[in-house]
Amino acid sequence: MHWVGGFAHDWVTHLGPIYLATVVFVVGAVLSARALQAAPT
């Protein structure tokens, strides 16, 4: 079971920044979309 923990750590180390960037992008897109919808036309 030790290799599972090592694999999980390696997986998080490599993919963590990618998921973090994806979350930041999605949050930014949602906030900008809400701002555009709230803006008077």
PDB file of N, CA and C in Angstrom:
ATOM      1  N   MET A   1       0.817  -1.211   0.000  1.00  0.00           N
ATOM      2  CA  MET A   1       0.000   0.000   0.000  1.00  0.00           C
ATOM      3  C   MET A   1       0.851   1.262   0.000  1.00  0.00           C
ATOM      4  N   HIS A   2       2.141   1.101   0.256  1.00  0.00           N
ATOM      5  CA  HIS A   2       2.994   2.283   0.319  1.00  0.00           C
ATOM      6  C   HIS A   2       3.107   2.941  -1.058  1.00  0.00           C
ATOM      7  N   TRP A   3       3.129   2.114  -2.103  1.00  0.00           N
ATOM      8  CA  TRP A   3       3.287   2.671  -3.448  1.00  0.00           C
ATOM      9  C   TRP A   3       2.073   3.513  -3.851  1.00  0.00           C
ATOM     10  N   VAL A   4       0.908   3.198  -3.276  1.00  0.00           N
ATOM     11  CA  VAL A   4      -0.289   3.977  -3.596  1.00  0.00           C
ATOM     12  C   VAL A   4      -0.114   5.412  -3.101  1.00  0.00           C
ATOM     13  N   GLY A   5       0.403   5.554  -1.871  1.00  0.00           N
ATOM     14  CA  GLY A   5       0.619   6.893  -1.333  1.00  0.00           C
ATOM     15  C   GLY A   5       1.638   7.651  -2.165  1.00  0.00           C
ATOM     16  N   GLY A   6       2.683   6.976  -2.582  1.00  0.00           N
ATOM     17  CA  GLY A   6       3.706   7.621  -3.412  1.00  0.00           C
ATOM     18  C   GLY A   6       3.134   8.032  -4.752  1.00  0.00           C
ATOM     19  N   PHE A   7       2.307   7.176  -5.319  1.00  0.00           N
ATOM     20  CA  PHE A   7       1.681   7.491  -6.608  1.00  0.00           C
ATOM     21  C   PHE A   7       0.749   8.689  -6.472  1.00  0.00           C
ATOM     22  N   ALA A   8      -0.030   8.705  -5.391  1.00  0.00           N
ATOM     23  CA  ALA A   8      -0.961   9.811  -5.172  1.00  0.00           C
ATOM     24  C   ALA A   8      -0.191  11.123  -5.031  1.00  0.00           C
ATOM     25  N   HIS A   9       0.900  11.093  -4.294  1.00  0.00           N
ATOM     26  CA  HIS A   9       1.688  12.310  -4.106  1.00  0.00           C
ATOM     27  C   HIS A   9       2.274  12.770  -5.430  1.00  0.00           C
ATOM     28  N   ASP A  10       2.779  11.822  -6.216  1.00  0.00           N
ATOM     29  CA  ASP A  10       3.361  12.168  -7.514  1.00  0.00           C
ATOM     30  C   ASP A  10       2.290  12.722  -8.442  1.00  0.00           C
ATOM     31  N   TRP A  11       1.092  12.136  -8.378  1.00  0.00           N
ATOM     32  CA  TRP A  11      -0.014  12.577  -9.226  1.00  0.00           C
ATOM     33  C   TRP A  11      -0.421  13.999  -8.871  1.00  0.00           C
ATOM     34  N   VAL A  12      -0.529  14.276  -7.572  1.00  0.00           N
ATOM     35  CA  VAL A  12      -0.912  15.623  -7.129  1.00  0.00           C
ATOM     36  C   VAL A  12       0.171  16.623  -7.505  1.00  0.00           C
ATOM     37  N   THR A  13       1.435  16.204  -7.364  1.00  0.00           N
ATOM     38  CA  THR A  13       2.543  17.110  -7.671  1.00  0.00           C
ATOM     39  C   THR A  13       2.524  17.520  -9.136  1.00  0.00           C
ATOM     40  N   HIS A  14       2.194  16.565 -10.019  1.00  0.00           N
ATOM     41  CA  HIS A  14       2.252  16.858 -11.454  1.00  0.00           C
ATOM     42  C   HIS A  14       0.978  17.518 -11.963  1.00  0.00           C
ATOM     43  N   LEU A  15      -0.183  17.091 -11.463  1.00  0.00           N
ATOM     44  CA  LEU A  15      -1.447  17.589 -12.001  1.00  0.00           C
ATOM     45  C   LEU A  15      -2.051  18.702 -11.156  1.00  0.00           C
ATOM     46  N   GLY A  16      -1.562  18.884  -9.946  1.00  0.00           N
ATOM     47  CA  GLY A  16      -2.099  19.925  -9.079  1.00  0.00           C
ATOM     48  C   GLY A  16      -2.133  21.293  -9.745  1.00  0.00           C
ATOM     49  N   PRO A  17      -1.003  21.762 -10.282  1.00  0.00           N
ATOM     50  CA  PRO A  17      -0.988  23.080 -10.934  1.00  0.00           C
ATOM     51  C   PRO A  17      -1.961  23.170 -12.109  1.00  0.00           C
ATOM     52  N   ILE A  18      -2.161  22.078 -12.818  1.00  0.00           N
ATOM     53  CA  ILE A  18      -3.080  22.097 -13.955  1.00  0.00           C
ATOM     54  C   ILE A  18      -4.510  22.289 -13.465  1.00  0.00           C
ATOM     55  N   TYR A  19      -4.873  21.514 -12.418  1.00  0.00           N
ATOM     56  CA  TYR A  19      -6.224  21.661 -11.878  1.00  0.00           C
ATOM     57  C   TYR A  19      -6.403  23.036 -11.251  1.00  0.00           C
ATOM     58  N   LEU A  20      -5.356  23.543 -10.607  1.00  0.00           N
ATOM     59  CA  LEU A  20      -5.451  24.863  -9.993  1.00  0.00           C
ATOM     60  C   LEU A  20      -5.690  25.920 -11.062  1.00  0.00           C
ATOM     61  N   ALA A  21      -4.964  25.834 -12.169  1.00  0.00           N
ATOM     62  CA  ALA A  21      -5.143  26.794 -13.255  1.00  0.00           C
ATOM     63  C   ALA A  21      -6.539  26.675 -13.855  1.00  0.00           C
ATOM     64  N   THR A  22      -7.044  25.444 -13.960  1.00  0.00           N
ATOM     65  CA  THR A  22      -8.384  25.238 -14.509  1.00  0.00           C
ATOM     66  C   THR A  22      -9.443  25.874 -13.612  1.00  0.00           C
ATOM     67  N   VAL A  23      -9.291  25.681 -12.299  1.00  0.00           N
ATOM     68  CA  VAL A  23     -10.247  26.260 -11.352  1.00  0.00           C
ATOM     69  C   VAL A  23     -10.208  27.782 -11.436  1.00  0.00           C
ATOM     70  N   VAL A  24      -9.015  28.355 -11.485  1.00  0.00           N
ATOM     71  CA  VAL A  24      -8.888  29.810 -11.571  1.00  0.00           C
ATOM     72  C   VAL A  24      -9.539  30.322 -12.852  1.00  0.00           C
ATOM     73  N   PHE A  25      -9.325  29.592 -13.966  1.00  0.00           N
ATOM     74  CA  PHE A  25      -9.907  30.008 -15.242  1.00  0.00           C
ATOM     75  C   PHE A  25     -11.436  29.959 -15.189  1.00  0.00           C
ATOM     76  N   VAL A  26     -11.971  28.872 -14.623  1.00  0.00           N
ATOM     77  CA  VAL A  26     -13.433  28.719 -14.558  1.00  0.00           C
ATOM     78  C   VAL A  26     -14.035  29.800 -13.674  1.00  0.00           C
ATOM     79  N   VAL A  27     -13.412  30.059 -12.522  1.00  0.00           N
ATOM     80  CA  VAL A  27     -13.925  31.082 -11.616  1.00  0.00           C
ATOM     81  C   VAL A  27     -13.902  32.443 -12.307  1.00  0.00           C
ATOM     82  N   GLY A  28     -12.834  32.742 -13.011  1.00  0.00           N
ATOM     83  CA  GLY A  28     -12.737  34.014 -13.723  1.00  0.00           C
ATOM     84  C   GLY A  28     -13.791  34.128 -14.810  1.00  0.00           C
ATOM     85  N   ALA A  29     -14.034  33.026 -15.519  1.00  0.00           N
ATOM     86  CA  ALA A  29     -15.036  33.044 -16.585  1.00  0.00           C
ATOM     87  C   ALA A  29     -16.430  33.260 -16.004  1.00  0.00           C
ATOM     88  N   VAL A  30     -16.735  32.597 -14.885  1.00  0.00           N
ATOM     89  CA  VAL A  30     -18.049  32.749 -14.262  1.00  0.00           C
ATOM     90  C   VAL A  30     -18.232  34.175 -13.754  1.00  0.00           C
ATOM     91  N   LEU A  31     -17.220  34.717 -13.115  1.00  0.00           N
ATOM     92  CA  LEU A  31     -17.341  36.074 -12.587  1.00  0.00           C
ATOM     93  C   LEU A  31     -17.511  37.088 -13.716  1.00  0.00           C
ATOM     94  N   SER A  32     -16.760  36.921 -14.793  1.00  0.00           N
ATOM     95  CA  SER A  32     -16.878  37.862 -15.910  1.00  0.00           C
ATOM     96  C   SER A  32     -18.238  37.717 -16.588  1.00  0.00           C
ATOM     97  N   ALA A  33     -18.746  36.511 -16.688  1.00  0.00           N
ATOM     98  CA  ALA A  33     -20.059  36.309 -17.307  1.00  0.00           C
ATOM     99  C   ALA A  33     -21.147  36.956 -16.460  1.00  0.00           C
ATOM    100  N   ARG A  34     -21.036  36.794 -15.136  1.00  0.00           N
ATOM    101  CA  ARG A  34     -22.026  37.420 -14.249  1.00  0.00           C
ATOM    102  C   ARG A  34     -21.932  38.941 -14.341  1.00  0.00           C
ATOM    103  N   ALA A  35     -20.736  39.476 -14.462  1.00  0.00           N
ATOM    104  CA  ALA A  35     -20.567  40.925 -14.563  1.00  0.00           C
ATOM    105  C   ALA A  35     -21.169  41.431 -15.870  1.00  0.00           C
ATOM    106  N   LEU A  36     -21.002  40.674 -16.946  1.00  0.00           N
ATOM    107  CA  LEU A  36     -21.566  41.099 -18.229  1.00  0.00           C
ATOM    108  C   LEU A  36     -23.096  41.055 -18.177  1.00  0.00           C
ATOM    109  N   GLN A  37     -23.640  40.034 -17.544  1.00  0.00           N
ATOM    110  CA  GLN A  37     -25.095  39.921 -17.453  1.00  0.00           C
ATOM    111  C   GLN A  37     -25.656  41.028 -16.562  1.00  0.00           C
ATOM    112  N   ALA A  38     -24.933  41.431 -15.540  1.00  0.00           N
ATOM    113  CA  ALA A  38     -25.412  42.455 -14.609  1.00  0.00           C
ATOM    114  C   ALA A  38     -25.267  43.852 -15.199  1.00  0.00           C
ATOM    115  N   ALA A  39     -24.400  44.006 -16.196  1.00  0.00           N
ATOM    116  CA  ALA A  39     -24.167  45.333 -16.770  1.00  0.00           C
ATOM    117  C   ALA A  39     -25.409  45.801 -17.527  1.00  0.00           C
ATOM    118  N   PRO A  40     -25.730  47.047 -17.384  1.00  0.00           N
ATOM    119  CA  PRO A  40     -26.889  47.574 -18.136  1.00  0.00           C
ATOM    120  C   PRO A  40     -26.605  47.596 -19.614  1.00  0.00           C
ATOM    121  N   THR A  41     -27.588  47.206 -20.406  1.00  0.00           N
ATOM    122  CA  THR A  41     -27.393  47.150 -21.860  1.00  0.00           C
ATOM    123  C   THR A  41     -27.917  48.403 -22.515  1.00  0.00           C
TER     124      THR A  41
END
